Protein backbone atom coordinates (compact mmCIF):
# COMPACT_ATOMS: atom_id res chain seq x y z
CA MET A 1 -45.57 18.10 -156.88
CA SER A 2 -42.72 19.00 -159.17
CA ALA A 3 -43.60 22.71 -158.89
CA VAL A 4 -43.76 22.54 -155.07
CA SER A 5 -40.50 20.57 -154.91
CA GLY A 6 -38.76 23.01 -157.23
CA ALA A 7 -39.99 26.05 -155.33
CA PHE A 8 -38.74 24.65 -152.02
CA ALA A 9 -35.42 23.53 -153.51
CA ARG A 10 -34.75 27.09 -154.72
CA VAL A 11 -35.22 28.71 -151.29
CA GLU A 12 -31.93 30.34 -150.22
CA GLY A 13 -30.62 29.02 -146.90
CA ARG A 14 -33.53 26.63 -146.47
CA SER A 15 -33.69 24.14 -143.67
CA GLY A 16 -34.77 20.74 -144.91
CA ARG A 17 -34.59 18.55 -147.97
CA VAL A 18 -36.95 17.63 -150.79
CA ILE A 19 -38.11 14.09 -150.05
CA GLY A 20 -40.03 12.03 -152.58
CA ILE A 21 -42.00 8.92 -151.62
CA LEU A 22 -42.05 7.11 -154.96
CA PRO A 23 -44.74 4.80 -156.24
CA SER A 24 -43.76 1.65 -158.09
CA ASP A 25 -44.64 0.62 -161.59
CA GLU A 26 -46.70 -2.54 -162.02
CA THR A 27 -43.61 -4.71 -161.49
CA GLY A 28 -43.13 -3.41 -157.95
CA LEU A 29 -39.43 -2.89 -158.68
CA THR A 30 -38.97 0.56 -160.21
CA PRO A 31 -40.76 3.91 -160.21
CA PRO A 32 -42.98 4.78 -163.16
CA PRO A 33 -41.77 7.27 -165.79
CA GLY A 34 -41.47 10.80 -164.38
CA TYR A 35 -40.58 9.70 -160.83
CA PRO A 36 -38.80 11.17 -159.03
CA ASN A 37 -39.16 14.74 -160.24
CA PRO A 38 -35.84 16.53 -160.87
CA TRP A 39 -35.97 18.39 -157.53
CA VAL A 40 -36.16 15.37 -155.23
CA GLU A 41 -33.00 15.14 -153.12
CA ILE A 42 -33.96 12.08 -151.09
CA PRO A 43 -35.98 9.56 -153.13
CA ILE A 44 -37.63 6.78 -151.13
CA GLN A 45 -38.59 3.91 -153.42
CA THR A 46 -41.62 1.84 -152.48
CA HIS A 47 -43.23 -1.27 -153.91
CA LEU A 48 -46.62 0.47 -153.75
CA ALA A 49 -48.16 0.92 -157.19
CA ALA A 50 -51.72 2.18 -156.48
CA ARG A 51 -52.26 5.87 -157.22
CA GLY A 52 -54.82 8.25 -158.71
CA ASP A 53 -58.28 6.75 -158.11
CA GLY A 54 -56.55 4.03 -156.05
CA GLY A 55 -54.75 6.53 -153.82
CA ALA A 56 -56.51 5.36 -150.65
CA ASP A 57 -55.89 1.68 -151.44
CA PRO A 58 -53.59 -0.10 -148.94
CA ASN A 59 -51.11 -0.49 -151.83
CA SER A 60 -50.70 3.29 -152.23
CA ARG A 61 -47.77 5.41 -151.08
CA ASN A 62 -50.29 8.04 -150.02
CA HIS A 63 -50.52 6.35 -146.61
CA ILE A 64 -46.79 6.99 -146.11
CA ASN A 65 -47.16 10.59 -147.35
CA ILE A 66 -49.89 11.33 -144.81
CA LEU A 67 -48.60 9.30 -141.86
CA SER A 68 -45.11 10.82 -142.11
CA SER A 69 -46.41 14.40 -142.17
CA ARG A 70 -46.97 16.80 -139.29
CA ALA A 71 -49.41 18.70 -141.50
CA VAL A 72 -50.88 18.47 -144.98
CA VAL A 73 -51.47 21.44 -147.25
CA ALA A 74 -53.63 20.22 -150.12
CA LEU A 75 -53.32 22.04 -153.43
CA PRO A 76 -55.65 21.83 -156.45
CA GLY A 77 -55.51 18.34 -157.88
CA GLY A 78 -57.31 15.27 -159.05
CA PRO A 79 -58.19 11.87 -157.63
CA GLY A 80 -54.79 11.32 -155.99
CA THR A 81 -55.05 14.60 -154.11
CA ALA A 82 -58.63 13.80 -153.10
CA SER A 83 -57.48 10.46 -151.69
CA GLU A 84 -54.71 12.13 -149.67
CA VAL A 85 -57.30 14.54 -148.23
CA ARG A 86 -59.49 11.60 -147.20
CA LEU A 87 -56.51 9.82 -145.64
CA ALA A 88 -55.51 12.95 -143.71
CA LEU A 89 -59.04 13.11 -142.31
CA ASP A 90 -59.03 9.37 -141.51
CA TYR A 91 -55.63 9.52 -139.76
CA GLY A 92 -56.28 12.84 -138.00
CA THR A 93 -53.38 14.61 -139.70
CA PRO A 94 -53.83 18.40 -139.56
CA LEU A 95 -55.07 19.54 -142.97
CA LEU A 96 -55.60 22.83 -144.79
CA ALA A 97 -56.54 23.15 -148.45
CA PHE A 98 -54.98 26.08 -150.34
CA LEU A 99 -57.46 26.70 -153.14
CA LEU A 100 -59.33 29.38 -155.06
CA SER A 101 -62.49 27.32 -154.68
CA PRO A 102 -63.40 24.07 -152.89
CA ARG A 103 -64.19 22.69 -156.36
CA ASP A 104 -60.41 22.67 -157.04
CA ILE A 105 -60.26 19.23 -155.38
CA PRO A 106 -63.01 16.90 -156.60
CA GLY A 107 -65.30 15.75 -153.80
CA LEU A 108 -63.62 17.91 -151.13
CA PRO A 109 -65.55 17.21 -147.92
CA ASP A 110 -67.35 20.21 -146.42
CA THR A 111 -65.47 19.63 -143.17
CA VAL A 112 -62.11 20.50 -144.75
CA ARG A 113 -60.90 24.00 -143.93
CA TRP A 114 -59.73 25.81 -147.04
CA THR A 115 -58.27 29.20 -147.81
CA SER A 116 -57.07 31.22 -150.76
CA ARG A 117 -54.74 33.32 -148.58
CA LEU A 118 -51.07 32.37 -148.46
CA GLU A 119 -50.78 34.04 -145.04
CA ASP A 120 -53.33 31.52 -143.67
CA VAL A 121 -51.18 28.67 -144.98
CA ARG A 122 -48.09 30.17 -143.39
CA GLU A 123 -49.82 30.53 -140.01
CA PHE A 124 -51.19 26.98 -140.23
CA VAL A 125 -47.77 25.47 -140.89
CA LEU A 126 -45.89 27.59 -138.34
CA ALA A 127 -48.42 26.70 -135.63
CA LEU A 128 -47.63 23.00 -136.16
CA LEU A 129 -43.83 23.21 -136.24
């Protein structure tokens, strides 16, 4: 997410801010090391510590990520990304995976539309704005 945040933050004349929904460490009081990434302009601290394999757990910030989004563009990733994809499907949030192969997200359901074309991603996002 740091790369995506940084790329957006560097867009000249952009409209919008880089928002980070932060997980908590095991104490529930502070974010774990590395959060927020240096590009986050509006950090939103949560008490939610579950992530990675626990990304669909009720104690995961991933619910906030998906429920506060008009659309989700999933990029190659691990268990946390896979859980966000499952939550987007569960909540009915429009979803497109931007991948070279569906194997770039472990366990990606066959029902998830994916593309390797940036123009497809652009059209997907613009259609939902």
